Protein backbone atom coordinates (compact mmCIF):
# COMPACT_ATOMS: atom_id res chain seq x y z
CA UNK A 1 53.61 -12.99 50.79
CA UNK A 2 52.86 -14.47 54.21
CA UNK A 3 50.47 -17.31 55.04
CA UNK A 4 48.89 -18.78 58.17
CA UNK A 5 46.43 -21.61 58.65
CA UNK A 6 43.78 -22.01 61.32
CA UNK A 7 41.07 -24.57 61.92
CA UNK A 8 37.68 -23.68 63.38
CA UNK A 9 34.60 -25.82 64.11
CA UNK A 10 32.62 -26.62 60.97
CA UNK A 11 29.42 -25.22 62.49
CA UNK A 12 31.11 -21.77 62.72
CA UNK A 13 32.20 -21.62 59.04
CA UNK A 14 28.86 -20.16 57.89
CA UNK A 15 29.17 -17.42 60.53
CA UNK A 16 32.70 -16.60 59.32
CA UNK A 17 31.54 -16.37 55.71
CA UNK A 18 28.40 -14.39 56.57
CA UNK A 19 25.31 -13.77 54.48
CA UNK A 20 26.36 -13.71 50.81
CA UNK A 21 30.00 -13.60 51.97
CA UNK A 22 29.58 -10.27 53.77
CA UNK A 23 31.65 -11.08 56.87
CA UNK A 24 34.44 -12.62 54.81
CA UNK A 25 34.56 -9.60 52.47
CA UNK A 26 34.57 -7.15 55.38
CA UNK A 27 37.40 -9.03 57.08
CA UNK A 28 39.46 -9.23 53.88
CA UNK A 29 38.96 -5.51 53.15
CA UNK A 30 39.70 -4.28 56.69
CA UNK A 31 42.84 -6.42 57.10
CA UNK A 32 44.17 -6.46 53.51
CA UNK A 33 44.26 -10.26 53.59
CA UNK A 34 42.82 -13.07 51.48
CA UNK A 35 40.90 -15.99 53.01
CA UNK A 36 40.68 -19.46 51.51
CA UNK A 37 37.99 -21.41 53.36
CA UNK A 38 37.55 -25.18 53.23
CA UNK A 39 34.03 -25.51 54.63
CA UNK A 40 34.13 -29.32 54.66
CA UNK A 41 37.16 -29.51 56.98
CA UNK A 42 36.98 -26.14 58.77
CA UNK A 43 40.43 -25.10 57.52
CA UNK A 44 41.12 -21.45 56.73
CA UNK A 45 44.25 -20.21 54.98
CA UNK A 46 45.03 -16.52 55.55
CA UNK A 47 47.45 -14.84 53.14
CA UNK A 48 48.66 -11.29 52.78
CA UNK A 49 51.59 -8.91 52.50
CA UNK A 50 51.67 -7.83 56.17
CA UNK A 51 52.39 -10.42 58.87
CA UNK A 52 50.73 -8.26 61.56
CA UNK A 53 47.46 -8.13 59.59
CA UNK A 54 47.57 -11.91 59.24
CA UNK A 55 48.05 -12.26 63.02
CA UNK A 56 45.10 -9.93 63.70
CA UNK A 57 42.93 -11.75 61.15
CA UNK A 58 43.82 -15.09 62.74
CA UNK A 59 42.69 -13.80 66.15
CA UNK A 60 39.41 -12.53 64.70
CA UNK A 61 38.77 -15.88 62.99
CA UNK A 62 39.68 -17.73 66.21
CA UNK A 63 37.19 -15.54 68.12
CA UNK A 64 34.44 -16.26 65.58
CA UNK A 65 35.34 -19.96 65.76
CA UNK A 66 35.01 -19.86 69.57
CA UNK A 67 31.44 -18.52 69.33
CA UNK A 68 31.69 -14.73 69.09
CA UNK A 69 29.41 -12.75 66.84
CA UNK A 70 31.53 -11.29 63.98
CA UNK A 71 30.50 -7.74 64.98
CA UNK A 72 32.18 -8.28 68.36
CA UNK A 73 35.18 -10.21 66.98
CA UNK A 74 35.92 -7.41 64.47
CA UNK A 75 36.65 -5.14 67.46
CA UNK A 76 40.00 -6.97 67.62
CA UNK A 77 41.11 -4.67 64.79
CA UNK A 78 41.51 -2.00 67.46
CA UNK A 79 45.02 -1.96 68.96
CA UNK A 80 43.78 -1.84 72.54
CA UNK A 81 41.30 -4.75 72.26
CA UNK A 82 42.41 -8.23 73.24
CA UNK A 83 41.22 -11.83 72.95
CA UNK A 84 41.79 -14.34 75.74
CA UNK A 85 40.98 -18.05 75.79
CA UNK A 86 40.51 -20.19 78.92
CA UNK A 87 40.53 -23.96 78.46
CA UNK A 88 37.98 -25.72 80.65
CA UNK A 89 40.04 -28.92 80.30
CA UNK A 90 42.66 -27.28 82.55
CA UNK A 91 40.06 -27.16 85.34
CA UNK A 92 37.86 -30.20 84.62
CA UNK A 93 40.30 -32.72 83.17
CA UNK A 94 38.55 -35.27 80.97
CA UNK A 95 35.42 -35.52 83.12
CA UNK A 96 32.38 -34.46 81.06
CA UNK A 97 30.32 -34.20 84.25
CA UNK A 98 32.81 -31.81 85.85
CA UNK A 99 33.05 -29.83 82.58
CA UNK A 100 29.26 -29.37 82.50
CA UNK A 101 29.22 -28.33 86.17
CA UNK A 102 31.96 -25.73 85.59
CA UNK A 103 30.16 -24.34 82.53
CA UNK A 104 27.00 -24.03 84.64
CA UNK A 105 28.90 -22.18 87.38
CA UNK A 106 30.34 -19.71 84.88
CA UNK A 107 27.03 -19.14 83.11
CA UNK A 108 25.01 -18.94 86.33
CA UNK A 109 21.25 -19.02 86.77
CA UNK A 110 19.70 -17.56 83.60
CA UNK A 111 23.13 -16.29 82.54
CA UNK A 112 23.51 -14.04 85.58
CA UNK A 113 27.14 -14.84 86.43
CA UNK A 114 28.44 -14.36 82.90
CA UNK A 115 26.47 -11.16 82.33
CA UNK A 116 27.53 -9.74 85.73
CA UNK A 117 31.22 -10.27 84.96
CA UNK A 118 30.71 -8.84 81.46
CA UNK A 119 29.01 -5.75 82.88
CA UNK A 120 31.54 -5.23 85.69
CA UNK A 121 34.58 -5.61 83.42
CA UNK A 122 33.12 -4.14 80.21
CA UNK A 123 34.04 -7.30 78.27
CA UNK A 124 32.27 -9.87 76.10
CA UNK A 125 32.40 -13.50 77.26
CA UNK A 126 31.43 -16.62 75.31
CA UNK A 127 31.30 -20.20 76.61
CA UNK A 128 31.62 -22.58 73.66
CA UNK A 129 32.70 -26.21 73.60
CA UNK A 130 35.58 -26.68 76.03
CA UNK A 131 36.59 -23.02 76.17
CA UNK A 132 35.65 -19.67 77.63
CA UNK A 133 36.65 -16.68 75.50
CA UNK A 134 36.92 -13.03 76.48
CA UNK A 135 37.18 -9.90 74.31
CA UNK A 136 37.81 -6.44 75.73
CA UNK A 137 40.39 -3.87 76.76
CA UNK A 138 43.66 -5.24 78.18
CA UNK A 139 43.16 -4.62 81.92
CA UNK A 140 39.44 -5.52 81.71
CA UNK A 141 40.22 -8.86 80.04
CA UNK A 142 42.74 -9.61 82.79
CA UNK A 143 40.16 -8.86 85.49
CA UNK A 144 37.48 -10.98 83.82
CA UNK A 145 39.93 -13.85 83.31
CA UNK A 146 41.00 -13.82 86.97
CA UNK A 147 37.37 -13.69 88.18
CA UNK A 148 36.40 -16.58 85.90
CA UNK A 149 39.38 -18.62 87.08
CA UNK A 150 38.34 -17.99 90.69
CA UNK A 151 34.86 -19.35 89.92
CA UNK A 152 36.31 -22.33 88.02
CA UNK A 153 38.52 -23.10 91.03
CA UNK A 154 35.47 -23.17 93.31
CA UNK A 155 35.29 -19.65 94.77
CA UNK A 156 31.88 -18.25 95.53
CA UNK A 157 30.48 -15.92 92.89
CA UNK A 158 30.31 -13.05 95.38
CA UNK A 159 34.04 -13.34 96.06
CA UNK A 160 34.81 -13.07 92.35
CA UNK A 161 32.56 -10.01 92.01
CA UNK A 162 34.14 -8.42 95.08
CA UNK A 163 37.60 -9.05 93.60
CA UNK A 164 36.58 -7.17 90.42
CA UNK A 165 35.18 -4.25 92.47
CA UNK A 166 38.32 -4.00 94.60
CA UNK A 167 40.61 -4.06 91.55
CA UNK A 168 38.48 -1.44 89.77
CA UNK A 169 38.62 0.81 92.84
CA UNK A 170 42.38 0.30 93.08
CA UNK A 171 42.78 1.26 89.39
CA UNK A 172 40.61 4.37 89.87
CA UNK A 173 42.60 5.50 92.93
CA UNK A 174 45.80 5.33 90.87
CA UNK A 175 44.40 7.70 88.26
């Protein structure tokens, strides 16, 4: 029997459990694991017979904790789907003002920047707290991460979009 523990924000516990425990049950059934949830502290204990299933479950719970809808996070059950986390603290330091400005740059006017990168890379992106999370196929997640890092480092949005286009074209020419 293997066990892992993870902590997620308390306001995401209800999402993890789901209506009448539906998300929790689905996750336990699909991964052959058992979840013990402390909703007061935000602690989750994952136990099961297979260490790989526990690792996958932990990633799904982490994704839900970072703001993803469970229906998107459950895609992590697929072998070729990945989860990536970017810490805004690495770019903004402790400055709340800088953190807010960087979040605004990544989101864009009416969500345009985030949705453009999602569309171009076929990924899902969530900005929550002090993190940006990405779910998608391996190479797509890498492209989205690099484009987001460019924007966080001050590049113009157009340069980040152009980078994605160039990399996509390069990948297509190799096929």
